[in-house]
Structures are given as structure tokens and as C-alpha cells.
Protein backbone atom coordinates (compact mmCIF):
# COMPACT_ATOMS: atom_id res chain seq x y z
CA MET A 1 0.67 -8.24 17.11
CA ASN A 2 -0.28 -6.48 20.38
CA LYS A 3 -3.77 -6.57 21.84
CA THR A 4 -4.76 -3.11 20.53
CA GLY A 5 -3.75 -4.18 17.03
CA LEU A 6 -5.88 -7.31 17.31
CA ILE A 7 -8.89 -5.24 18.38
CA ILE A 8 -8.34 -2.81 15.48
CA LYS A 9 -8.07 -5.70 13.03
CA GLN A 10 -11.17 -7.40 14.41
CA GLU A 11 -13.27 -4.22 14.32
CA TYR A 12 -12.09 -3.37 10.80
CA LEU A 13 -12.55 -6.81 9.22
CA ARG A 14 -15.87 -7.44 10.96
CA ARG A 15 -17.36 -4.28 9.52
CA VAL A 16 -15.88 -4.20 5.98
CA ARG A 17 -17.11 -7.75 5.39
CA LYS A 18 -20.69 -6.82 6.10
CA LYS A 19 -23.06 -6.70 3.13
CA SER A 20 -24.31 -3.31 4.29
CA PHE A 21 -20.79 -1.86 3.99
CA ILE A 22 -20.31 -3.26 0.49
CA PHE A 23 -23.77 -2.03 -0.52
CA MET A 24 -23.27 1.48 0.86
CA THR A 25 -19.76 1.81 -0.56
CA PHE A 26 -20.44 0.81 -4.15
CA LEU A 27 -24.05 1.89 -4.57
CA MET A 28 -24.12 5.08 -2.51
CA PRO A 29 -22.44 7.20 -5.25
CA LEU A 30 -25.10 6.01 -7.68
CA LEU A 31 -27.83 6.68 -5.13
CA MET A 32 -26.47 10.19 -4.53
CA VAL A 33 -26.53 10.90 -8.26
CA GLY A 34 -30.03 9.47 -8.44
CA LEU A 35 -31.28 11.55 -5.53
CA VAL A 36 -30.17 14.68 -7.37
CA SER A 37 -30.99 13.78 -10.98
CA VAL A 38 -34.26 11.84 -10.62
CA PRO A 39 -36.24 14.64 -8.87
CA LEU A 40 -34.92 17.12 -11.46
CA TRP A 41 -35.98 14.78 -14.25
CA LEU A 42 -39.41 14.19 -12.72
CA ALA A 43 -39.86 17.95 -12.23
CA THR A 44 -39.44 18.49 -15.97
CA MET A 45 -42.18 15.99 -16.81
CA LYS A 46 -45.50 17.56 -17.64
CA GLY A 47 -48.81 16.11 -16.53
CA ASN A 48 -51.43 14.95 -18.99
CA ASP A 49 -54.24 16.93 -17.36
CA ILE A 50 -55.13 20.21 -19.07
CA ARG A 51 -56.57 22.82 -16.74
CA HIS A 52 -58.94 25.44 -18.11
CA ILE A 53 -58.73 29.04 -16.95
CA ALA A 54 -61.58 31.48 -17.61
CA VAL A 55 -60.46 35.10 -18.08
CA ILE A 56 -63.03 37.77 -17.17
CA ASP A 57 -61.51 40.96 -18.57
CA LYS A 58 -63.63 44.11 -18.30
CA THR A 59 -60.92 46.19 -19.96
CA GLY A 60 -60.68 43.97 -23.01
CA LYS A 61 -56.91 44.32 -23.44
CA TYR A 62 -55.48 41.63 -21.18
CA ALA A 63 -57.43 38.48 -22.12
CA PRO A 64 -55.98 38.19 -25.69
CA LEU A 65 -52.45 38.19 -24.22
CA PHE A 66 -52.74 34.73 -22.65
CA SER A 67 -51.52 31.81 -24.76
CA ASN A 68 -52.23 28.16 -24.08
CA THR A 69 -49.51 25.96 -22.61
CA ASP A 70 -49.15 22.21 -22.19
CA ASN A 71 -50.90 22.36 -18.82
CA TYR A 72 -53.14 25.43 -18.99
CA HIS A 73 -55.70 26.60 -21.55
CA PHE A 74 -57.05 30.14 -21.30
CA PHE A 75 -60.34 31.33 -22.78
CA GLU A 76 -62.32 34.56 -22.60
CA ALA A 77 -65.24 34.09 -20.25
CA ASP A 78 -68.82 34.51 -21.41
CA LYS A 79 -70.27 34.62 -17.90
CA SER A 80 -69.87 36.80 -14.84
CA LEU A 81 -67.85 35.85 -11.80
CA ASP A 82 -71.01 35.25 -9.73
CA GLU A 83 -72.42 32.93 -12.38
CA TYR A 84 -69.25 30.86 -12.44
CA ARG A 85 -69.31 30.65 -8.64
CA THR A 86 -72.92 29.49 -8.42
CA GLU A 87 -72.82 27.00 -11.28
CA ALA A 88 -70.95 23.70 -11.06
CA GLN A 89 -68.00 23.89 -13.44
CA LYS A 90 -66.28 20.50 -13.47
CA ASP A 91 -63.88 21.39 -16.29
CA LEU A 92 -62.99 24.82 -14.93
CA PHE A 93 -59.90 25.00 -12.72
CA ALA A 94 -59.59 28.74 -12.06
CA ILE A 95 -61.05 32.15 -12.92
CA LEU A 96 -58.92 35.22 -13.63
CA SER A 97 -60.88 38.40 -13.01
CA ILE A 98 -59.52 41.77 -14.24
CA SER A 99 -61.82 44.67 -13.45
CA ASP A 100 -59.71 47.74 -14.23
CA ASP A 101 -56.51 49.03 -15.82
CA LEU A 102 -53.74 47.40 -13.80
CA LEU A 103 -51.34 50.29 -14.30
CA GLU A 104 -53.75 52.56 -12.48
CA ASN A 105 -55.12 49.92 -10.09
CA PRO A 106 -52.66 47.01 -9.52
CA LYS A 107 -55.15 45.25 -7.22
CA ALA A 108 -57.78 44.94 -9.91
CA ALA A 109 -56.65 41.43 -10.93
CA THR A 110 -57.59 38.35 -8.87
CA LEU A 111 -57.21 34.63 -9.50
CA TYR A 112 -59.98 32.46 -8.05
CA SER A 113 -60.02 28.69 -7.60
CA GLU A 114 -61.59 26.05 -5.38
CA LYS A 115 -58.12 24.55 -4.88
CA GLN A 116 -54.74 25.98 -4.01
CA ILE A 117 -53.29 27.90 -6.96
CA PRO A 118 -50.12 26.14 -8.24
CA GLY A 119 -46.98 28.24 -8.35
CA GLU A 120 -46.58 27.57 -12.08
CA LEU A 121 -49.97 29.14 -12.84
CA SER A 122 -49.31 32.16 -10.62
CA ARG A 123 -45.94 32.78 -12.30
CA LEU A 124 -47.46 32.42 -15.76
CA VAL A 125 -50.24 34.94 -15.07
CA ASN A 126 -47.85 37.36 -13.36
CA GLN A 127 -45.40 37.27 -16.27
CA VAL A 128 -48.09 38.08 -18.84
CA LEU A 129 -49.64 40.91 -16.84
CA VAL A 130 -46.32 42.44 -15.74
CA LYS A 131 -45.06 42.44 -19.34
CA GLN A 132 -48.17 44.33 -20.50
CA MET A 133 -47.95 46.77 -17.58
CA GLU A 134 -44.32 47.51 -18.46
CA ASP A 135 -45.29 48.16 -22.09
CA ASP A 136 -48.11 50.46 -21.01
CA LYS A 137 -45.75 52.34 -18.71
CA LEU A 138 -43.22 52.84 -21.52
CA ASP A 139 -45.96 54.04 -23.87
CA SER A 140 -47.07 56.60 -21.31
CA PHE A 141 -43.72 58.42 -21.66
CA GLN A 142 -44.50 59.08 -25.35
CA ILE A 143 -40.85 58.79 -26.38
CA PRO A 144 -40.39 57.42 -29.91
CA ALA A 145 -38.80 53.93 -30.09
CA LEU A 146 -38.27 53.89 -26.29
CA LYS A 147 -39.03 50.19 -26.04
CA GLN A 148 -36.49 49.36 -28.75
CA ILE A 149 -33.87 51.55 -27.07
CA ILE A 150 -34.34 49.77 -23.75
CA ASP A 151 -34.22 46.32 -25.39
CA GLU A 152 -31.01 47.18 -27.21
CA SER A 153 -29.44 48.60 -24.05
CA ARG A 154 -29.76 45.30 -22.18
CA VAL A 155 -26.45 43.41 -22.03
CA GLN A 156 -25.29 40.15 -20.53
CA PHE A 157 -21.92 40.21 -18.84
CA GLN A 158 -19.93 37.78 -16.70
CA ILE A 159 -16.60 38.89 -15.31
CA GLN A 160 -13.70 36.60 -16.17
CA THR A 161 -11.65 35.48 -13.17
CA ILE A 162 -7.97 34.64 -13.59
CA LYS A 163 -5.64 33.14 -11.01
CA TRP A 164 -1.98 34.14 -11.09
CA GLY A 165 0.66 31.50 -10.56
CA LYS A 166 3.93 32.11 -8.75
CA ASP A 167 5.75 31.66 -12.05
CA GLY A 168 3.59 34.31 -13.71
CA SER A 169 1.27 31.84 -15.44
CA GLU A 170 -2.45 32.54 -15.71
CA VAL A 171 -5.23 30.01 -15.17
CA SER A 172 -8.97 30.58 -15.38
CA SER A 173 -10.61 30.22 -11.95
CA SER A 174 -14.16 29.96 -10.65
CA GLY A 175 -15.62 30.90 -7.28
CA THR A 176 -18.63 28.71 -8.04
CA ILE A 177 -16.47 25.60 -8.40
CA ALA A 178 -14.61 26.50 -5.19
CA HIS A 179 -17.95 26.79 -3.41
CA ILE A 180 -19.12 23.42 -4.74
CA ILE A 181 -15.87 21.67 -3.72
CA GLY A 182 -15.95 23.23 -0.25
CA LEU A 183 -19.63 22.47 0.28
CA PHE A 184 -19.25 18.87 -0.87
CA SER A 185 -16.23 18.32 1.42
CA THR A 186 -18.03 19.94 4.35
CA ILE A 187 -21.15 17.80 4.02
CA ILE A 188 -19.17 14.58 3.51
CA ILE A 189 -16.95 15.07 6.55
CA TYR A 190 -19.92 16.10 8.70
CA MET A 191 -21.85 13.03 7.63
CA PHE A 192 -18.96 10.61 8.19
CA ILE A 193 -17.96 12.01 11.59
CA MET A 194 -21.53 11.75 12.85
CA MET A 195 -22.20 8.37 11.26
CA TYR A 196 -19.03 6.60 12.40
CA GLY A 197 -18.93 8.39 15.74
CA ALA A 198 -22.44 7.12 16.44
CA MET A 199 -21.28 3.67 15.32
CA VAL A 200 -18.57 3.74 18.00
CA MET A 201 -21.12 4.68 20.66
CA GLN A 202 -23.52 1.97 19.52
CA GLY A 203 -20.79 -0.70 19.48
CA VAL A 204 -19.57 0.18 22.98
CA SER A 205 -23.13 0.34 24.32
CA GLU A 206 -24.02 -3.06 22.84
CA GLU A 207 -20.93 -4.72 24.32
CA LYS A 208 -21.71 -3.23 27.70
CA THR A 209 -25.37 -4.31 27.54
CA ASN A 210 -24.43 -7.86 26.49
CA ARG A 211 -21.79 -7.99 29.27
CA ILE A 212 -19.19 -9.08 26.70
CA VAL A 213 -16.94 -6.26 27.81
CA GLU A 214 -16.50 -7.84 31.24
CA ILE A 215 -14.65 -10.72 29.59
CA MET A 216 -12.66 -8.42 27.30
CA VAL A 217 -11.35 -6.10 30.06
CA SER A 218 -10.03 -9.13 31.92
CA SER A 219 -7.37 -9.51 29.23
CA VAL A 220 -6.95 -6.01 27.79
CA ASN A 221 -6.59 -2.54 29.25
CA PRO A 222 -9.80 -0.41 28.95
CA PHE A 223 -7.84 2.36 27.22
CA ASN A 224 -6.46 -0.06 24.62
CA LEU A 225 -9.94 -1.49 24.16
CA MET A 226 -11.42 1.94 23.53
CA MET A 227 -8.63 2.99 21.16
CA GLY A 228 -8.85 -0.29 19.27
CA LYS A 229 -12.55 0.24 18.67
CA VAL A 230 -12.15 3.93 17.75
CA VAL A 231 -9.24 3.35 15.36
CA GLY A 232 -10.78 0.24 13.80
CA ILE A 233 -14.07 1.93 13.00
CA GLY A 234 -12.18 5.04 11.83
CA LEU A 235 -10.23 2.94 9.33
CA VAL A 236 -13.54 1.59 8.03
CA GLY A 237 -14.71 5.14 7.43
CA LEU A 238 -11.43 6.12 5.79
CA THR A 239 -11.64 3.08 3.51
CA GLN A 240 -15.12 4.03 2.48
CA ILE A 241 -14.11 7.63 1.76
CA ILE A 242 -11.18 6.50 -0.42
CA LEU A 243 -13.36 4.06 -2.34
CA TRP A 244 -15.99 6.74 -2.83
CA GLY A 245 -13.33 9.12 -4.14
CA ILE A 246 -12.11 6.51 -6.63
CA LEU A 247 -15.65 5.68 -7.79
CA ILE A 248 -16.75 9.30 -8.11
CA GLY A 249 -13.52 10.18 -9.93
CA THR A 250 -14.10 7.28 -12.31
CA PHE A 251 -17.70 8.35 -12.93
CA LEU A 252 -16.61 11.92 -13.64
CA LEU A 253 -13.79 10.79 -15.92
CA VAL A 254 -16.02 8.43 -17.90
CA GLY A 255 -18.82 10.98 -18.07
CA SER A 256 -16.51 13.79 -19.19
CA SER A 257 -14.82 11.54 -21.77
CA GLY A 258 -18.16 10.45 -23.16
CA LEU A 259 -19.37 14.03 -23.34
CA ILE A 260 -16.18 15.20 -25.05
CA LEU A 261 -16.22 12.36 -27.57
CA GLY A 262 -19.91 12.89 -28.23
CA ASN A 263 -19.35 16.59 -28.81
CA LEU A 264 -16.40 15.93 -31.09
CA GLY A 265 -18.35 13.30 -33.00
CA GLU A 266 -21.17 15.72 -33.64
CA SER A 267 -19.04 18.67 -34.69
CA MET A 268 -15.99 17.11 -36.39
CA ASP A 269 -14.91 14.24 -38.56
CA ILE A 270 -11.41 12.81 -38.21
CA SER A 271 -9.80 15.25 -40.58
CA THR A 272 -11.55 18.21 -39.02
CA MET A 273 -10.44 17.05 -35.59
CA GLN A 274 -6.82 17.01 -36.74
CA GLN A 275 -7.16 20.49 -38.17
CA GLY A 276 -8.83 21.67 -34.95
CA MET A 277 -5.92 20.39 -32.90
CA ALA A 278 -3.48 22.23 -35.16
CA LEU A 279 -5.52 25.42 -35.54
CA SER A 280 -6.59 26.50 -32.08
CA GLN A 281 -8.41 29.53 -33.45
CA SER A 282 -10.83 27.58 -35.64
CA ALA A 283 -14.51 28.01 -34.98
CA ASN A 284 -15.03 24.44 -33.82
CA THR A 285 -12.18 24.63 -31.33
CA ILE A 286 -13.37 27.93 -29.90
CA GLU A 287 -16.88 26.59 -29.48
CA PHE A 288 -15.53 23.41 -27.88
CA GLN A 289 -13.34 25.35 -25.45
CA GLU A 290 -16.25 27.59 -24.43
CA GLY A 291 -18.46 24.59 -23.83
CA PHE A 292 -15.88 22.95 -21.55
CA GLU A 293 -14.48 26.04 -19.88
CA TRP A 294 -15.17 24.55 -16.47
CA ILE A 295 -12.66 21.77 -17.19
CA GLY A 296 -9.93 24.35 -17.58
CA GLN A 297 -11.05 26.09 -14.39
CA LEU A 298 -10.51 22.87 -12.45
CA HIS A 299 -6.77 23.19 -13.11
CA SER A 300 -6.69 26.27 -10.87
CA PHE A 301 -7.39 24.08 -7.82
CA ASN A 302 -4.75 22.09 -5.96
CA PHE A 303 -6.71 18.88 -5.53
CA GLY A 304 -3.72 17.12 -3.98
CA GLU A 305 -3.69 19.62 -1.13
CA ILE A 306 -7.48 19.46 -0.77
CA ILE A 307 -7.43 15.66 -0.51
CA VAL A 308 -4.54 15.60 1.97
CA PHE A 309 -6.16 18.13 4.29
CA PHE A 310 -9.51 16.39 3.93
CA ILE A 311 -7.95 13.18 5.26
CA ILE A 312 -6.09 15.04 8.02
CA PHE A 313 -9.17 16.86 9.25
CA PHE A 314 -11.29 13.75 8.94
CA VAL A 315 -8.86 11.80 11.13
CA GLY A 316 -8.55 14.61 13.69
CA GLY A 317 -12.28 15.36 13.79
CA TYR A 318 -13.17 11.70 13.97
CA LEU A 319 -10.75 11.01 16.85
CA LEU A 320 -12.13 13.99 18.77
CA TYR A 321 -15.79 13.10 18.42
CA ALA A 322 -15.38 9.32 18.42
CA SER A 323 -13.65 9.50 21.81
CA LEU A 324 -16.62 11.48 23.13
CA PHE A 325 -19.05 8.98 21.63
CA ALA A 326 -17.09 6.10 23.16
CA ALA A 327 -17.26 7.76 26.58
CA ILE A 328 -21.02 8.25 26.19
CA GLY A 329 -21.50 4.66 25.06
CA SER A 330 -19.60 3.37 28.09
CA ALA A 331 -21.64 5.49 30.51
CA ILE A 332 -25.19 4.79 29.31
CA ASN A 333 -27.20 1.70 30.18
CA SER A 334 -29.79 2.02 27.38
CA PRO A 335 -30.12 3.95 24.10
CA GLU A 336 -32.65 6.28 25.73
CA ASP A 337 -29.98 7.54 28.15
CA SER A 338 -27.84 8.84 25.28
CA GLN A 339 -30.16 11.72 24.39
CA GLN A 340 -29.00 14.08 27.14
CA PHE A 341 -25.34 13.52 26.20
CA MET A 342 -25.86 13.60 22.42
CA ALA A 343 -27.75 16.91 22.39
CA PRO A 344 -24.72 19.18 23.04
CA ILE A 345 -22.63 17.33 20.43
CA MET A 346 -25.40 17.59 17.85
CA VAL A 347 -25.78 21.33 18.49
CA ILE A 348 -22.03 21.89 18.02
CA MET A 349 -21.91 19.84 14.82
CA LEU A 350 -24.96 21.56 13.33
CA PHE A 351 -23.46 24.93 14.21
CA ALA A 352 -20.24 23.88 12.46
CA LEU A 353 -22.19 22.77 9.37
CA TYR A 354 -24.09 26.04 9.06
CA ALA A 355 -20.97 28.08 9.87
CA GLY A 356 -19.19 26.29 7.02
CA MET A 357 -22.02 27.03 4.59
CA TYR A 358 -22.19 30.70 5.56
CA SER A 359 -18.39 31.00 5.33
CA ALA A 360 -18.46 30.40 1.57
CA ASP A 361 -19.43 34.03 0.86
CA ASN A 362 -16.63 35.39 3.06
CA PRO A 363 -13.95 32.70 3.59
CA ASP A 364 -11.63 35.19 5.32
CA GLY A 365 -14.27 36.71 7.61
CA PRO A 366 -14.33 36.42 11.42
CA LEU A 367 -16.90 33.60 11.43
CA ALA A 368 -14.92 31.52 8.93
CA PHE A 369 -11.55 32.21 10.58
CA TRP A 370 -12.45 31.46 14.20
CA CYS A 371 -14.65 28.47 13.43
CA SER A 372 -11.84 26.98 11.33
CA ILE A 373 -9.42 27.39 14.25
CA ILE A 374 -11.62 26.17 17.12
CA PRO A 375 -11.11 22.36 17.21
CA PHE A 376 -14.79 21.43 17.65
CA THR A 377 -15.80 23.18 14.42
CA SER A 378 -12.55 23.27 12.43
CA PRO A 379 -12.91 19.83 10.71
CA VAL A 380 -16.10 21.03 9.02
CA VAL A 381 -15.46 24.74 8.47
CA MET A 382 -11.82 24.55 7.37
CA LEU A 383 -12.71 22.31 4.43
CA MET A 384 -14.98 25.05 3.11
CA ARG A 385 -12.09 27.53 3.23
CA ILE A 386 -9.29 25.39 1.78
CA PRO A 387 -10.46 25.64 -1.90
CA TYR A 388 -10.12 29.44 -1.55
CA GLU A 389 -6.38 29.00 -0.80
CA ILE A 390 -6.02 30.48 2.66
CA SER A 391 -2.64 31.00 4.35
CA LEU A 392 -0.59 27.92 5.24
CA TRP A 393 -0.12 29.05 8.86
CA GLU A 394 -3.89 29.01 9.38
CA LYS A 395 -4.12 25.43 8.16
CA LEU A 396 -1.19 24.26 10.27
CA LEU A 397 -2.45 26.08 13.39
CA SER A 398 -5.87 24.51 12.93
CA VAL A 399 -4.36 21.03 12.52
CA VAL A 400 -2.13 21.39 15.60
CA LEU A 401 -4.98 22.61 17.80
CA LEU A 402 -7.31 19.91 16.48
CA PHE A 403 -4.96 17.01 17.20
CA ALA A 404 -3.86 18.46 20.55
CA THR A 405 -7.51 18.71 21.59
CA SER A 406 -8.24 15.24 20.20
CA ILE A 407 -5.43 13.70 22.28
CA SER A 408 -6.64 15.54 25.39
CA PHE A 409 -10.20 14.34 24.95
CA ILE A 410 -9.06 10.80 24.21
CA TRP A 411 -7.28 10.87 27.59
CA LEU A 412 -10.38 12.27 29.36
CA SER A 413 -12.71 9.86 27.58
CA ALA A 414 -10.49 6.94 28.54
CA LYS A 415 -10.92 7.87 32.21
CA ILE A 416 -14.71 7.89 31.79
CA TYR A 417 -14.57 4.71 29.73
CA ARG A 418 -12.62 2.65 32.27
CA VAL A 419 -15.23 3.35 34.97
CA GLY A 420 -18.41 3.59 32.92
CA ILE A 421 -17.85 0.39 30.96
CA LEU A 422 -18.31 -1.67 34.13
CA MET A 423 -20.97 0.55 35.73
CA TYR A 424 -24.50 -0.89 35.70
CA GLY A 425 -27.83 0.09 37.15
CA LYS A 426 -27.02 3.71 37.97
CA LYS A 427 -28.24 6.33 35.54
CA PRO A 428 -25.28 8.54 34.58
CA ASN A 429 -25.16 12.34 34.47
CA PHE A 430 -22.53 14.96 33.72
CA LYS A 431 -21.68 15.44 37.39
CA GLU A 432 -21.06 11.72 37.82
CA MET A 433 -18.88 11.57 34.71
CA ILE A 434 -16.73 14.45 35.96
CA LYS A 435 -16.24 12.49 39.18
CA TRP A 436 -15.05 9.48 37.16
CA ILE A 437 -12.40 11.66 35.47
CA ARG A 438 -10.94 12.52 38.86
CA TYR A 439 -10.52 8.88 39.86
CA LYS A 440 -6.92 7.68 39.85
């Protein structure tokens, strides 16, 4: 095995054997699910404290409309607003004052409290008052059964989207699922490029600070040393992505299977299940298909292509940015010196992230197209566009430009690396690094 291969092997094995890698790889999917589900679950929990709201209604028609909830109890006030303000009311949370007909004077309603009014209470009061104002407005037209006519005229409609196959087949599709896939891919690749690129910079900087690199360059070429570190850490990231994909796929498969079996168990016995499989128009089957329509919509996506291009753009984007991080790590003498060099890279990557998010609404627009072609933003933005099935020539052009730029910057970074890795004491700057590139 050549020296570069030994460095790649050493970097890879040293990092995948760490407990932190094992922990992050196998528990991160669970943590990600927890970060999403736990706050949602906690948000649905109601507090035990009941807050009392006094309603001062001079019109007499709004106060009876308010019903008690789990958190708020409304009662018609028997005192004036000034009396409530002057007296200490420990059990009173807020006062709703309505001084006039709101249809004629919308500013006649005010909610008072010694504390900030929670959004839940504001929404609750607004909903009750707006509903009554709408009813009063309809009554003012004096049209018989107008309210019933309007209620019956309201419809719910969702357009069905169908994707045509080249063989004439039809498959249900979903722009929402395409958006979710693109957004997930975009965030993951952004996170991994930044995380493992920064790891390259940190590793190079530590070796330079500890003067270990002086011994290493005596037996290996600086370019091979840099490439060994970049490729080795990149393989660590690729391993983690593959393991995450397997784990997440397993979680989804188990979860979907459990949900399907649970649904079948509730709605069918064994004989009914057999009949449902034979009679696709039965009520149970139709209900089942409607409940799991999104599973059928997943078939409209070419996940093989998405995964392949994800890996390609991850490798190209990582090589591009990791070479820059390696050059920065070789030039700096302390972590504080990295800020001036990291700032431009962070700005570009954040721009790419936001460009990818905004491209979801118009995946063929100028922003999406050009940012998916420009190599510095294409690894992030292109992954948002791929689920929308853009032209093959755009993907290939983006890949070619990305890898051509990556190779060019690896060559430039190697020139900076070979000088900077042995440079001590002098604080680097962009002008100095350009001078290092010109050295032969």
C-alpha cells in the first residue's frame, strides 16, 4: 500500500473507532426524531393552571358567547374596569372590556392583563368575536337563509396530481413529498460538508500546532498528506451517511409496517382481509388506500437516482470545501486566526442553503438553475431540484463543473498547504496565501 493509502486508512480507522462516531451514527437518527416529536408532544400538553378572565360587556351580547376551556374560564364581570384595576385580584388573569357594538366600532374591545397576553388567549377571544361580527354582518343584509346558503357553498378541494410514465402508465405524485425529500437532502449535505470540512481544518491545525507534521512531511509528500487526510475523513462522512440511510430506512419500514398491520387489525379480520385483497372496491380497501395514499405517491420518485446524485454531489462538494479547509488549517497558527478565512466560506454556504430552500417553489427558475450550476452552491441547491426531475444535461453539467472546480482547488490548496504547514510565527493573510500559490 502506498503512503497516501496508509494515511487514508489511518485517518478512517482512527475516527470510526471513536465512541463519539458510534454514538452519533446510531443515536443521531433517534435524536433527530426526538427533536421533532418531543416538542410537538409537549406543545399538546395542557397546563393544570386555570386562568380566569372577567368579561365587561356593556352591550350584553358578547359575554354569553365565551365558553370555558381547559386553561381559561370566562365569567361576566360584576365590577367596573377601574374597580378591577384598583383592587388586588390574585385569581384574575385578564379583563376583556367591550364598550360598544364591534361591527360599528371594531376598536371597542380591549384585553387587559398585568402580564403578557398568551397567543392562545388572543386567538380564542378573536375567534369568538369575529364569528359574532360575521353573523351580525350577514344579518344586516336581511336575506332569508343567507347564513345557511354560505355554509352550504363552502367546499374543500385538493387537486389530484398524476405523473405520466414513458410507457403511458400513471402514478400519483406529490409536490409536498418532493419538497420534503429535497429539503432533507439539502440540509443533510450542508451539515455534513460543514461538519467534516471543519474536521479536516481542525485535524491539520492540531498536527501543525503539535509539530507532528514536521516528522510526517519528512517521509511523505505534502500533497499526498493533504489528500490522505481529506479522503480519509470524507470516507468517514460517507460511511456515516450510508449508515444513517440504512437506519432511517429501517425505522420507516418498521413504522409503516406497524401502522399498516395496526390499521388492518382494527378494520379487518383474516377473512375480511382476504376479501379486501380480492375486491379492491370494497369499503375497507378504499378507506385503507386513502389513508396510505402517500405510500403510493412515493413510487413516483426515482430514489435510486436521488441517492446516486446525493453521493456524487456530497463527494464533489466535500472535496471542494475540504481542500479549502485544509489550506486554511495549514496556514493558521491558532484557532482564532481561522475566523477571517472561514467567514467567506460560511457566507457562501449559508447563501447556498437559503437558495436551495427558496428554489423549492420554482425549481426551474433563474435562482435555482444558476445556483445548481455554480460549483460553490451546486452541491446544496441541486439536491433540492433533483426530486422535481430536471433535465439530465443540467445534472451532468453541474457534476462536471463541480468536479473540475474541485480538482482545481485541490491543486491550489496543495500549493498553500505545502508552504503553510511548515510556516510558524507569522500571521497569515489572503495576500500572503496568494504569494504561496505562486511559489514553484
